[in-house]
Amino acid sequence: MAQQVDERSARAASGPVVRKGTATGPRLRLRDVDARDAEFILALRTDERKGRHLSSTSPDLEAQRRYLEAYASSTDQAYFLVELLDGTPVGTVRIYDPRGSSFCWGSWILADNAPKSSAVETTLMVYRYGLELGFDASHFDVRKANEKVWQYHERCGARRTHETEIDYFYSMDREAIEQLFQRYHSRIPNGIEVAFNS
């Protein structure tokens, strides 16, 4: 455990750190998850179709609540509920694993009731949040079997860096992120508002 803390501290010292907060776009908001979200998150993660490319999740609701309670005191990630501006939950996404000037994102699931524009808006919100934290790039991995998602990331400008038997690994540099904002400017005409917890 002490070694993990030392490794995290060393990474944080060499670049920005992940902080919790919110991001608000024209239709969606990313807000910090809490234990009250356990049932919704568990339903998404254990959905056979939506969860098939994610790490396995126990169907135990109390275990999910305990996980979210423990998350509340974590300092190395921001786990968001994606919700409509009226508070209706429509998904999850997480920012974690800072490496120098790059952050990772994942745990991205959108519910069936999410508006069609949610994938693009969530993507733009994640990248804006990361840039506001002080990062200049992003890295992430996608299961090879999750073809629609890795194709989406490649259309967004992600560069495939390497692969394993089951995963593709990607990076997005600052230039690619800024080009993505320009391409979808009409989707976020008033920008994205980011606020960090104190």
N, C-alpha and C. Protein backbone atom coordinates (compact mmCIF):
# COMPACT_ATOMS: atom_id res chain seq x y z
N MET A 1 0.83 -1.21 0.00
CA MET A 1 0.00 0.00 0.00
C MET A 1 0.86 1.26 0.00
N ALA A 2 1.91 1.28 0.86
CA ALA A 2 2.79 2.45 0.92
C ALA A 2 3.46 2.68 -0.42
N GLN A 3 3.81 1.58 -1.12
CA GLN A 3 4.45 1.70 -2.41
C GLN A 3 3.49 2.33 -3.42
N GLN A 4 2.19 1.95 -3.39
CA GLN A 4 1.20 2.54 -4.29
C GLN A 4 1.07 4.03 -4.04
N VAL A 5 1.04 4.44 -2.78
CA VAL A 5 0.93 5.86 -2.43
C VAL A 5 2.15 6.60 -2.94
N ASP A 6 3.36 6.02 -2.76
CA ASP A 6 4.58 6.66 -3.24
C ASP A 6 4.57 6.81 -4.75
N GLU A 7 4.10 5.77 -5.47
CA GLU A 7 4.03 5.85 -6.93
C GLU A 7 3.06 6.93 -7.37
N ARG A 8 1.90 7.03 -6.70
CA ARG A 8 0.93 8.07 -7.03
C ARG A 8 1.51 9.45 -6.77
N SER A 9 2.20 9.59 -5.65
CA SER A 9 2.80 10.89 -5.31
C SER A 9 3.84 11.28 -6.33
N ALA A 10 4.64 10.31 -6.79
CA ALA A 10 5.67 10.59 -7.79
C ALA A 10 5.03 11.04 -9.10
N ARG A 11 3.95 10.35 -9.52
CA ARG A 11 3.26 10.75 -10.74
C ARG A 11 2.67 12.14 -10.60
N ALA A 12 2.04 12.40 -9.46
CA ALA A 12 1.40 13.70 -9.24
C ALA A 12 2.44 14.81 -9.25
N ALA A 13 3.63 14.54 -8.70
CA ALA A 13 4.67 15.56 -8.64
C ALA A 13 5.16 15.93 -10.04
N SER A 14 5.00 15.02 -11.00
CA SER A 14 5.51 15.28 -12.34
C SER A 14 4.44 15.84 -13.28
N GLY A 15 3.26 16.12 -12.78
CA GLY A 15 2.22 16.65 -13.65
C GLY A 15 0.98 16.99 -12.86
N PRO A 16 -0.10 17.35 -13.56
CA PRO A 16 -1.35 17.69 -12.89
C PRO A 16 -1.91 16.49 -12.11
N VAL A 17 -2.83 16.78 -11.22
CA VAL A 17 -3.50 15.73 -10.46
C VAL A 17 -4.99 15.75 -10.78
N VAL A 18 -5.63 14.61 -10.61
CA VAL A 18 -7.07 14.51 -10.84
C VAL A 18 -7.80 15.04 -9.61
N ARG A 19 -8.77 15.91 -9.83
CA ARG A 19 -9.60 16.44 -8.75
C ARG A 19 -11.06 16.19 -9.09
N LYS A 20 -11.86 16.10 -8.05
CA LYS A 20 -13.30 15.89 -8.24
C LYS A 20 -14.00 17.21 -8.50
N GLY A 21 -15.12 17.15 -9.18
CA GLY A 21 -15.87 18.37 -9.47
C GLY A 21 -17.04 18.08 -10.38
N THR A 22 -17.41 19.07 -11.19
CA THR A 22 -18.53 18.94 -12.12
C THR A 22 -18.16 19.56 -13.46
N ALA A 23 -18.85 19.12 -14.48
CA ALA A 23 -18.77 19.75 -15.81
C ALA A 23 -20.19 19.83 -16.33
N THR A 24 -20.54 20.98 -16.90
CA THR A 24 -21.89 21.19 -17.40
C THR A 24 -21.83 21.64 -18.84
N GLY A 25 -22.55 20.91 -19.68
CA GLY A 25 -22.65 21.25 -21.09
C GLY A 25 -24.06 21.70 -21.42
N PRO A 26 -24.40 21.78 -22.70
CA PRO A 26 -25.72 22.28 -23.08
C PRO A 26 -26.87 21.36 -22.69
N ARG A 27 -26.63 20.03 -22.63
CA ARG A 27 -27.71 19.08 -22.31
C ARG A 27 -27.39 18.18 -21.14
N LEU A 28 -26.09 18.06 -20.82
CA LEU A 28 -25.66 17.09 -19.82
C LEU A 28 -24.81 17.73 -18.73
N ARG A 29 -24.73 17.01 -17.62
CA ARG A 29 -23.85 17.42 -16.52
C ARG A 29 -23.09 16.17 -16.06
N LEU A 30 -21.81 16.34 -15.76
CA LEU A 30 -21.03 15.31 -15.08
C LEU A 30 -20.94 15.75 -13.64
N ARG A 31 -21.39 14.88 -12.73
CA ARG A 31 -21.27 15.20 -11.31
C ARG A 31 -20.68 14.01 -10.57
N ASP A 32 -20.01 14.30 -9.48
CA ASP A 32 -19.38 13.27 -8.68
C ASP A 32 -20.41 12.24 -8.22
N VAL A 33 -20.09 10.96 -8.38
CA VAL A 33 -21.00 9.91 -7.91
C VAL A 33 -20.99 9.86 -6.39
N ASP A 34 -22.06 9.30 -5.82
CA ASP A 34 -22.07 9.01 -4.38
C ASP A 34 -22.86 7.73 -4.16
N ALA A 35 -22.94 7.29 -2.94
CA ALA A 35 -23.55 6.00 -2.62
C ALA A 35 -25.00 5.91 -3.06
N ARG A 36 -25.69 7.04 -3.17
CA ARG A 36 -27.09 7.03 -3.62
C ARG A 36 -27.22 6.58 -5.08
N ASP A 37 -26.10 6.62 -5.83
CA ASP A 37 -26.12 6.24 -7.24
C ASP A 37 -25.86 4.75 -7.44
N ALA A 38 -25.67 4.01 -6.36
CA ALA A 38 -25.25 2.61 -6.44
C ALA A 38 -26.19 1.76 -7.30
N GLU A 39 -27.48 1.90 -7.10
CA GLU A 39 -28.43 1.04 -7.82
C GLU A 39 -28.37 1.31 -9.32
N PHE A 40 -28.33 2.59 -9.71
CA PHE A 40 -28.27 2.94 -11.13
C PHE A 40 -26.97 2.42 -11.75
N ILE A 41 -25.85 2.66 -11.07
CA ILE A 41 -24.55 2.23 -11.61
C ILE A 41 -24.48 0.71 -11.71
N LEU A 42 -24.95 0.04 -10.69
CA LEU A 42 -24.92 -1.42 -10.71
C LEU A 42 -25.77 -1.97 -11.86
N ALA A 43 -26.93 -1.38 -12.10
CA ALA A 43 -27.78 -1.83 -13.20
C ALA A 43 -27.08 -1.65 -14.55
N LEU A 44 -26.36 -0.54 -14.71
CA LEU A 44 -25.61 -0.34 -15.96
C LEU A 44 -24.49 -1.36 -16.11
N ARG A 45 -23.69 -1.50 -15.05
CA ARG A 45 -22.50 -2.35 -15.12
C ARG A 45 -22.82 -3.84 -15.22
N THR A 46 -23.98 -4.24 -14.72
CA THR A 46 -24.33 -5.66 -14.79
C THR A 46 -25.27 -5.97 -15.95
N ASP A 47 -25.65 -4.94 -16.71
CA ASP A 47 -26.43 -5.17 -17.93
C ASP A 47 -25.58 -6.01 -18.88
N GLU A 48 -26.12 -7.13 -19.32
CA GLU A 48 -25.35 -8.07 -20.12
C GLU A 48 -24.77 -7.43 -21.38
N ARG A 49 -25.55 -6.58 -22.02
CA ARG A 49 -25.09 -5.95 -23.27
C ARG A 49 -24.11 -4.81 -23.00
N LYS A 50 -24.44 -3.95 -22.05
CA LYS A 50 -23.61 -2.77 -21.79
C LYS A 50 -22.32 -3.10 -21.04
N GLY A 51 -22.37 -4.13 -20.19
CA GLY A 51 -21.22 -4.42 -19.36
C GLY A 51 -20.27 -5.46 -19.91
N ARG A 52 -20.53 -5.95 -21.11
CA ARG A 52 -19.73 -7.09 -21.59
C ARG A 52 -18.28 -6.72 -21.88
N HIS A 53 -17.95 -5.45 -22.07
CA HIS A 53 -16.56 -5.05 -22.34
C HIS A 53 -15.90 -4.39 -21.14
N LEU A 54 -16.56 -4.46 -19.98
CA LEU A 54 -16.02 -3.84 -18.76
C LEU A 54 -15.45 -4.91 -17.84
N SER A 55 -14.65 -4.46 -16.87
CA SER A 55 -14.21 -5.41 -15.85
C SER A 55 -15.45 -5.88 -15.10
N SER A 56 -15.43 -7.12 -14.64
CA SER A 56 -16.63 -7.70 -14.02
C SER A 56 -16.99 -6.97 -12.73
N THR A 57 -18.28 -6.90 -12.48
CA THR A 57 -18.83 -6.21 -11.31
C THR A 57 -19.73 -7.18 -10.56
N SER A 58 -19.57 -7.25 -9.25
CA SER A 58 -20.43 -8.08 -8.43
C SER A 58 -21.85 -7.53 -8.47
N PRO A 59 -22.87 -8.41 -8.51
CA PRO A 59 -24.25 -7.93 -8.51
C PRO A 59 -24.74 -7.51 -7.13
N ASP A 60 -23.86 -7.48 -6.15
CA ASP A 60 -24.20 -7.16 -4.77
C ASP A 60 -24.34 -5.64 -4.60
N LEU A 61 -25.57 -5.18 -4.36
CA LEU A 61 -25.83 -3.75 -4.23
C LEU A 61 -25.07 -3.15 -3.05
N GLU A 62 -25.02 -3.84 -1.93
CA GLU A 62 -24.29 -3.31 -0.77
C GLU A 62 -22.80 -3.17 -1.06
N ALA A 63 -22.25 -4.12 -1.82
CA ALA A 63 -20.84 -4.02 -2.21
C ALA A 63 -20.61 -2.78 -3.08
N GLN A 64 -21.57 -2.50 -3.97
CA GLN A 64 -21.46 -1.31 -4.82
C GLN A 64 -21.53 -0.04 -3.97
N ARG A 65 -22.43 -0.03 -2.98
CA ARG A 65 -22.51 1.14 -2.09
C ARG A 65 -21.20 1.34 -1.34
N ARG A 66 -20.63 0.24 -0.83
CA ARG A 66 -19.35 0.33 -0.10
C ARG A 66 -18.24 0.86 -1.01
N TYR A 67 -18.24 0.39 -2.25
CA TYR A 67 -17.24 0.87 -3.21
C TYR A 67 -17.37 2.38 -3.40
N LEU A 68 -18.59 2.87 -3.57
CA LEU A 68 -18.81 4.30 -3.78
C LEU A 68 -18.49 5.10 -2.53
N GLU A 69 -18.77 4.54 -1.35
CA GLU A 69 -18.40 5.22 -0.11
C GLU A 69 -16.89 5.34 0.01
N ALA A 70 -16.17 4.28 -0.36
CA ALA A 70 -14.70 4.31 -0.34
C ALA A 70 -14.17 5.30 -1.37
N TYR A 71 -14.82 5.35 -2.54
CA TYR A 71 -14.42 6.29 -3.58
C TYR A 71 -14.44 7.73 -3.08
N ALA A 72 -15.40 8.05 -2.22
CA ALA A 72 -15.56 9.42 -1.74
C ALA A 72 -14.28 9.97 -1.12
N SER A 73 -13.46 9.10 -0.55
CA SER A 73 -12.21 9.59 0.08
C SER A 73 -10.99 9.38 -0.83
N SER A 74 -11.19 8.88 -2.04
CA SER A 74 -10.05 8.68 -2.94
C SER A 74 -9.58 10.03 -3.49
N THR A 75 -8.31 10.09 -3.83
CA THR A 75 -7.73 11.34 -4.31
C THR A 75 -7.06 11.19 -5.67
N ASP A 76 -7.28 10.07 -6.33
CA ASP A 76 -6.58 9.84 -7.59
C ASP A 76 -7.52 9.61 -8.78
N GLN A 77 -8.80 9.91 -8.61
CA GLN A 77 -9.76 9.71 -9.69
C GLN A 77 -10.97 10.62 -9.50
N ALA A 78 -11.69 10.80 -10.60
CA ALA A 78 -12.98 11.50 -10.56
C ALA A 78 -13.97 10.60 -11.30
N TYR A 79 -14.95 10.09 -10.56
CA TYR A 79 -15.94 9.16 -11.11
C TYR A 79 -17.25 9.94 -11.20
N PHE A 80 -17.76 10.07 -12.42
CA PHE A 80 -18.91 10.92 -12.66
C PHE A 80 -20.17 10.14 -13.00
N LEU A 81 -21.28 10.66 -12.52
CA LEU A 81 -22.58 10.27 -13.05
C LEU A 81 -22.85 11.23 -14.19
N VAL A 82 -23.24 10.71 -15.34
CA VAL A 82 -23.67 11.54 -16.46
C VAL A 82 -25.17 11.71 -16.29
N GLU A 83 -25.62 12.95 -16.22
CA GLU A 83 -27.05 13.17 -16.03
C GLU A 83 -27.55 14.28 -16.93
N LEU A 84 -28.84 14.23 -17.24
CA LEU A 84 -29.48 15.34 -17.93
C LEU A 84 -29.50 16.52 -16.97
N LEU A 85 -29.71 17.71 -17.50
CA LEU A 85 -29.71 18.90 -16.64
C LEU A 85 -30.84 18.87 -15.62
N ASP A 86 -31.87 18.04 -15.86
CA ASP A 86 -32.95 17.92 -14.87
C ASP A 86 -32.63 16.88 -13.78
N GLY A 87 -31.43 16.29 -13.84
CA GLY A 87 -31.01 15.33 -12.83
C GLY A 87 -31.24 13.87 -13.17
N THR A 88 -31.82 13.58 -14.34
CA THR A 88 -32.05 12.20 -14.74
C THR A 88 -30.72 11.53 -15.09
N PRO A 89 -30.37 10.43 -14.42
CA PRO A 89 -29.10 9.77 -14.73
C PRO A 89 -29.15 9.05 -16.07
N VAL A 90 -28.08 9.22 -16.86
CA VAL A 90 -28.03 8.56 -18.18
C VAL A 90 -26.70 7.86 -18.44
N GLY A 91 -25.79 7.83 -17.45
CA GLY A 91 -24.54 7.12 -17.69
C GLY A 91 -23.49 7.38 -16.63
N THR A 92 -22.30 6.85 -16.90
CA THR A 92 -21.14 7.06 -16.02
C THR A 92 -19.90 7.25 -16.88
N VAL A 93 -18.90 7.89 -16.30
CA VAL A 93 -17.57 8.01 -16.91
C VAL A 93 -16.59 8.33 -15.80
N ARG A 94 -15.32 7.96 -16.00
CA ARG A 94 -14.33 8.14 -14.95
C ARG A 94 -13.03 8.66 -15.53
N ILE A 95 -12.37 9.57 -14.79
CA ILE A 95 -11.04 10.07 -15.12
C ILE A 95 -10.10 9.57 -14.04
N TYR A 96 -8.95 9.01 -14.44
CA TYR A 96 -8.05 8.40 -13.47
C TYR A 96 -6.65 8.23 -14.08
N ASP A 97 -5.75 7.59 -13.36
CA ASP A 97 -4.42 7.21 -13.83
C ASP A 97 -3.65 8.35 -14.49
N PRO A 98 -3.40 9.45 -13.75
CA PRO A 98 -2.58 10.52 -14.35
C PRO A 98 -1.14 10.04 -14.57
N ARG A 99 -0.62 10.31 -15.75
CA ARG A 99 0.77 9.98 -16.09
C ARG A 99 1.40 11.21 -16.70
N GLY A 100 2.15 11.95 -15.89
CA GLY A 100 2.73 13.20 -16.40
C GLY A 100 1.62 14.14 -16.83
N SER A 101 1.61 14.52 -18.11
CA SER A 101 0.60 15.47 -18.59
C SER A 101 -0.61 14.79 -19.22
N SER A 102 -0.73 13.46 -19.03
CA SER A 102 -1.83 12.71 -19.65
C SER A 102 -2.72 12.06 -18.59
N PHE A 103 -4.02 12.08 -18.83
CA PHE A 103 -4.97 11.40 -17.96
C PHE A 103 -5.65 10.28 -18.74
N CYS A 104 -6.15 9.30 -18.00
CA CYS A 104 -6.89 8.20 -18.61
C CYS A 104 -8.38 8.39 -18.35
N TRP A 105 -9.19 7.92 -19.25
CA TRP A 105 -10.63 7.91 -18.97
C TRP A 105 -11.25 6.60 -19.43
N GLY A 106 -12.33 6.23 -18.71
CA GLY A 106 -12.99 4.97 -18.99
C GLY A 106 -14.22 4.80 -18.14
N SER A 107 -14.63 3.56 -17.88
CA SER A 107 -15.87 3.26 -17.16
C SER A 107 -17.04 4.01 -17.80
N TRP A 108 -16.96 4.18 -19.11
CA TRP A 108 -17.93 4.98 -19.85
C TRP A 108 -19.08 4.10 -20.32
N ILE A 109 -20.24 4.36 -19.77
CA ILE A 109 -21.45 3.63 -20.16
C ILE A 109 -22.58 4.64 -20.29
N LEU A 110 -23.34 4.54 -21.36
CA LEU A 110 -24.53 5.38 -21.53
C LEU A 110 -25.76 4.49 -21.52
N ALA A 111 -26.77 4.91 -20.78
CA ALA A 111 -28.02 4.16 -20.67
C ALA A 111 -28.82 4.30 -21.96
N ASP A 112 -29.79 3.43 -22.12
CA ASP A 112 -30.63 3.47 -23.32
C ASP A 112 -31.43 4.76 -23.42
N ASN A 113 -31.71 5.41 -22.28
CA ASN A 113 -32.49 6.65 -22.32
C ASN A 113 -31.63 7.90 -22.55
N ALA A 114 -30.33 7.71 -22.77
CA ALA A 114 -29.46 8.87 -23.03
C ALA A 114 -29.78 9.45 -24.40
N PRO A 115 -29.85 10.77 -24.52
CA PRO A 115 -30.08 11.37 -25.83
C PRO A 115 -29.00 10.94 -26.82
N LYS A 116 -29.33 10.93 -28.09
CA LYS A 116 -28.40 10.48 -29.13
C LYS A 116 -27.10 11.27 -29.11
N SER A 117 -27.15 12.52 -28.74
CA SER A 117 -25.96 13.39 -28.73
C SER A 117 -25.06 13.17 -27.51
N SER A 118 -25.44 12.26 -26.62
CA SER A 118 -24.72 12.10 -25.35
C SER A 118 -23.29 11.63 -25.51
N ALA A 119 -23.01 10.77 -26.49
CA ALA A 119 -21.64 10.27 -26.64
C ALA A 119 -20.69 11.42 -26.95
N VAL A 120 -21.05 12.24 -27.93
CA VAL A 120 -20.17 13.36 -28.30
C VAL A 120 -20.08 14.37 -27.17
N GLU A 121 -21.20 14.71 -26.57
CA GLU A 121 -21.16 15.72 -25.51
C GLU A 121 -20.35 15.21 -24.31
N THR A 122 -20.51 13.95 -23.94
CA THR A 122 -19.74 13.40 -22.83
C THR A 122 -18.25 13.43 -23.16
N THR A 123 -17.89 13.04 -24.37
CA THR A 123 -16.49 13.06 -24.80
C THR A 123 -15.90 14.46 -24.67
N LEU A 124 -16.61 15.44 -25.17
CA LEU A 124 -16.13 16.82 -25.11
C LEU A 124 -16.01 17.29 -23.66
N MET A 125 -16.95 16.88 -22.81
CA MET A 125 -16.90 17.28 -21.40
C MET A 125 -15.71 16.66 -20.69
N VAL A 126 -15.43 15.39 -20.98
CA VAL A 126 -14.28 14.72 -20.37
C VAL A 126 -12.98 15.43 -20.77
N TYR A 127 -12.84 15.72 -22.06
CA TYR A 127 -11.61 16.38 -22.51
C TYR A 127 -11.50 17.80 -21.95
N ARG A 128 -12.61 18.53 -21.89
CA ARG A 128 -12.56 19.88 -21.31
C ARG A 128 -12.16 19.80 -19.84
N TYR A 129 -12.72 18.85 -19.12
CA TYR A 129 -12.40 18.67 -17.70
C TYR A 129 -10.91 18.39 -17.54
N GLY A 130 -10.40 17.47 -18.36
CA GLY A 130 -8.98 17.14 -18.29
C GLY A 130 -8.09 18.34 -18.58
N LEU A 131 -8.44 19.12 -19.60
CA LEU A 131 -7.64 20.31 -19.91
C LEU A 131 -7.70 21.32 -18.78
N GLU A 132 -8.88 21.49 -18.17
CA GLU A 132 -9.01 22.43 -17.06
C GLU A 132 -8.20 21.98 -15.84
N LEU A 133 -8.01 20.66 -15.69
CA LEU A 133 -7.15 20.16 -14.62
C LEU A 133 -5.68 20.47 -14.89
N GLY A 134 -5.35 20.77 -16.15
CA GLY A 134 -3.97 21.07 -16.52
C GLY A 134 -3.30 20.01 -17.36
N PHE A 135 -4.05 18.98 -17.74
CA PHE A 135 -3.49 17.94 -18.60
C PHE A 135 -3.45 18.43 -20.05
N ASP A 136 -2.54 17.85 -20.84
CA ASP A 136 -2.41 18.18 -22.25
C ASP A 136 -2.70 17.01 -23.18
N ALA A 137 -3.02 15.86 -22.60
CA ALA A 137 -3.23 14.67 -23.41
C ALA A 137 -4.05 13.66 -22.63
N SER A 138 -4.48 12.62 -23.34
CA SER A 138 -5.25 11.56 -22.72
C SER A 138 -4.76 10.21 -23.25
N HIS A 139 -4.89 9.20 -22.42
CA HIS A 139 -4.59 7.83 -22.84
C HIS A 139 -5.70 6.92 -22.34
N PHE A 140 -5.98 5.87 -23.06
CA PHE A 140 -7.04 4.94 -22.66
C PHE A 140 -6.92 3.67 -23.48
N ASP A 141 -7.66 2.66 -23.05
CA ASP A 141 -7.68 1.40 -23.79
C ASP A 141 -9.12 0.98 -24.03
N VAL A 142 -9.31 0.23 -25.09
CA VAL A 142 -10.63 -0.25 -25.47
C VAL A 142 -10.49 -1.72 -25.88
N ARG A 143 -11.41 -2.55 -25.44
CA ARG A 143 -11.41 -3.95 -25.85
C ARG A 143 -11.54 -4.04 -27.38
N LYS A 144 -10.76 -4.90 -27.99
CA LYS A 144 -10.83 -5.08 -29.43
C LYS A 144 -12.23 -5.48 -29.87
N ALA A 145 -12.90 -6.25 -29.04
CA ALA A 145 -14.25 -6.71 -29.37
C ALA A 145 -15.28 -5.57 -29.33
N ASN A 146 -14.91 -4.47 -28.69
CA ASN A 146 -15.82 -3.33 -28.57
C ASN A 146 -15.63 -2.42 -29.79
N GLU A 147 -15.92 -2.97 -30.95
CA GLU A 147 -15.59 -2.34 -32.22
C GLU A 147 -16.19 -0.95 -32.41
N LYS A 148 -17.45 -0.78 -32.05
CA LYS A 148 -18.09 0.54 -32.24
C LYS A 148 -17.37 1.62 -31.44
N VAL A 149 -16.92 1.27 -30.22
CA VAL A 149 -16.28 2.28 -29.37
C VAL A 149 -14.89 2.63 -29.87
N TRP A 150 -14.06 1.64 -30.24
CA TRP A 150 -12.73 2.03 -30.71
C TRP A 150 -12.81 2.75 -32.06
N GLN A 151 -13.78 2.39 -32.90
CA GLN A 151 -13.95 3.12 -34.16
C GLN A 151 -14.37 4.57 -33.88
N TYR A 152 -15.24 4.76 -32.88
CA TYR A 152 -15.66 6.11 -32.50
C TYR A 152 -14.44 6.93 -32.06
N HIS A 153 -13.61 6.37 -31.18
CA HIS A 153 -12.43 7.10 -30.70
C HIS A 153 -11.48 7.43 -31.85
N GLU A 154 -11.33 6.52 -32.78
CA GLU A 154 -10.45 6.80 -33.92
C GLU A 154 -11.03 7.92 -34.79
N ARG A 155 -12.36 7.94 -34.96
CA ARG A 155 -12.98 9.04 -35.71
C ARG A 155 -12.77 10.38 -34.99
N CYS A 156 -12.68 10.31 -33.65
CA CYS A 156 -12.47 11.53 -32.86
C CYS A 156 -11.01 12.01 -32.92
N GLY A 157 -10.13 11.20 -33.48
CA GLY A 157 -8.73 11.61 -33.61
C GLY A 157 -7.76 10.86 -32.71
N ALA A 158 -8.24 9.85 -31.98
CA ALA A 158 -7.34 9.08 -31.12
C ALA A 158 -6.36 8.29 -31.99
N ARG A 159 -5.12 8.22 -31.52
CA ARG A 159 -4.07 7.50 -32.23
C ARG A 159 -3.80 6.19 -31.50
N ARG A 160 -3.90 5.09 -32.23
CA ARG A 160 -3.62 3.78 -31.64
C ARG A 160 -2.11 3.65 -31.42
N THR A 161 -1.71 3.37 -30.18
CA THR A 161 -0.28 3.32 -29.85
C THR A 161 0.26 1.90 -29.79
N HIS A 162 -0.53 0.96 -29.31
CA HIS A 162 -0.12 -0.44 -29.25
C HIS A 162 -1.33 -1.30 -28.94
N GLU A 163 -1.11 -2.59 -28.87
CA GLU A 163 -2.23 -3.50 -28.60
C GLU A 163 -1.74 -4.73 -27.85
N THR A 164 -2.67 -5.39 -27.19
CA THR A 164 -2.43 -6.70 -26.60
C THR A 164 -3.38 -7.66 -27.29
N GLU A 165 -3.46 -8.84 -26.79
CA GLU A 165 -4.35 -9.81 -27.40
C GLU A 165 -5.81 -9.36 -27.33
N ILE A 166 -6.18 -8.63 -26.26
CA ILE A 166 -7.59 -8.25 -26.10
C ILE A 166 -7.88 -6.76 -26.18
N ASP A 167 -6.85 -5.89 -26.07
CA ASP A 167 -7.09 -4.45 -26.01
C ASP A 167 -6.31 -3.68 -27.07
N TYR A 168 -6.89 -2.54 -27.50
CA TYR A 168 -6.18 -1.51 -28.24
C TYR A 168 -5.90 -0.38 -27.25
N PHE A 169 -4.74 0.25 -27.37
CA PHE A 169 -4.36 1.36 -26.51
C PHE A 169 -4.24 2.62 -27.37
N TYR A 170 -4.75 3.73 -26.82
CA TYR A 170 -4.84 4.97 -27.58
C TYR A 170 -4.26 6.15 -26.81
N SER A 171 -3.94 7.21 -27.59
CA SER A 171 -3.59 8.49 -26.99
C SER A 171 -4.23 9.60 -27.81
N MET A 172 -4.50 10.70 -27.14
CA MET A 172 -5.01 11.92 -27.78
C MET A 172 -4.14 13.06 -27.27
N ASP A 173 -3.43 13.74 -28.16
CA ASP A 173 -2.62 14.87 -27.72
C ASP A 173 -3.46 16.15 -27.75
N ARG A 174 -2.88 17.23 -27.26
CA ARG A 174 -3.60 18.51 -27.15
C ARG A 174 -4.14 18.97 -28.50
N GLU A 175 -3.34 18.82 -29.55
CA GLU A 175 -3.76 19.26 -30.87
C GLU A 175 -5.00 18.50 -31.33
N ALA A 176 -5.01 17.18 -31.13
CA ALA A 176 -6.16 16.37 -31.54
C ALA A 176 -7.40 16.73 -30.73
N ILE A 177 -7.20 17.00 -29.43
CA ILE A 177 -8.33 17.39 -28.58
C ILE A 177 -8.91 18.72 -29.05
N GLU A 178 -8.03 19.70 -29.33
CA GLU A 178 -8.50 21.01 -29.78
C GLU A 178 -9.22 20.89 -31.13
N GLN A 179 -8.73 20.03 -32.02
CA GLN A 179 -9.40 19.82 -33.31
C GLN A 179 -10.79 19.23 -33.10
N LEU A 180 -10.92 18.35 -32.10
CA LEU A 180 -12.22 17.77 -31.79
C LEU A 180 -13.20 18.84 -31.32
N PHE A 181 -12.72 19.76 -30.47
CA PHE A 181 -13.58 20.87 -30.03
C PHE A 181 -14.01 21.73 -31.22
N GLN A 182 -13.10 21.99 -32.14
CA GLN A 182 -13.45 22.79 -33.32
C GLN A 182 -14.49 22.07 -34.18
N ARG A 183 -14.30 20.76 -34.37
CA ARG A 183 -15.22 20.00 -35.21
C ARG A 183 -16.63 20.02 -34.66
N TYR A 184 -16.76 19.96 -33.32
CA TYR A 184 -18.08 19.89 -32.70
C TYR A 184 -18.47 21.18 -31.98
N HIS A 185 -17.91 22.28 -32.43
CA HIS A 185 -18.24 23.57 -31.78
C HIS A 185 -19.74 23.83 -31.77
N SER A 186 -20.44 23.45 -32.82
CA SER A 186 -21.89 23.72 -32.89
C SER A 186 -22.65 22.94 -31.81
N ARG A 187 -22.08 21.86 -31.29
CA ARG A 187 -22.73 21.07 -30.24
C ARG A 187 -22.60 21.75 -28.87
N ILE A 188 -21.58 22.58 -28.72
CA ILE A 188 -21.33 23.25 -27.43
C ILE A 188 -21.09 24.76 -27.67
N PRO A 189 -22.07 25.44 -28.26
CA PRO A 189 -21.85 26.84 -28.65
C PRO A 189 -21.47 27.75 -27.49
N ASN A 190 -21.92 27.43 -26.29
CA ASN A 190 -21.58 28.26 -25.12
C ASN A 190 -20.49 27.63 -24.26
N GLY A 191 -19.82 26.63 -24.80
CA GLY A 191 -18.73 26.00 -24.07
C GLY A 191 -19.21 25.02 -23.01
N ILE A 192 -18.26 24.58 -22.19
CA ILE A 192 -18.51 23.65 -21.10
C ILE A 192 -17.98 24.28 -19.82
N GLU A 193 -18.83 24.33 -18.81
CA GLU A 193 -18.44 24.93 -17.54
C GLU A 193 -17.91 23.85 -16.60
N VAL A 194 -16.70 24.07 -16.10
CA VAL A 194 -16.06 23.12 -15.19
C VAL A 194 -15.86 23.79 -13.84
N ALA A 195 -16.19 23.06 -12.77
CA ALA A 195 -15.98 23.56 -11.41
C ALA A 195 -15.38 22.43 -10.60
N PHE A 196 -14.39 22.74 -9.77
CA PHE A 196 -13.75 21.73 -8.92
C PHE A 196 -14.22 21.85 -7.49
N ASN A 197 -14.33 20.72 -6.82
CA ASN A 197 -14.69 20.72 -5.39
C ASN A 197 -13.57 21.39 -4.61
N SER A 198 -13.96 22.09 -3.54
CA SER A 198 -12.94 22.76 -2.72
C SER A 198 -12.32 21.79 -1.73
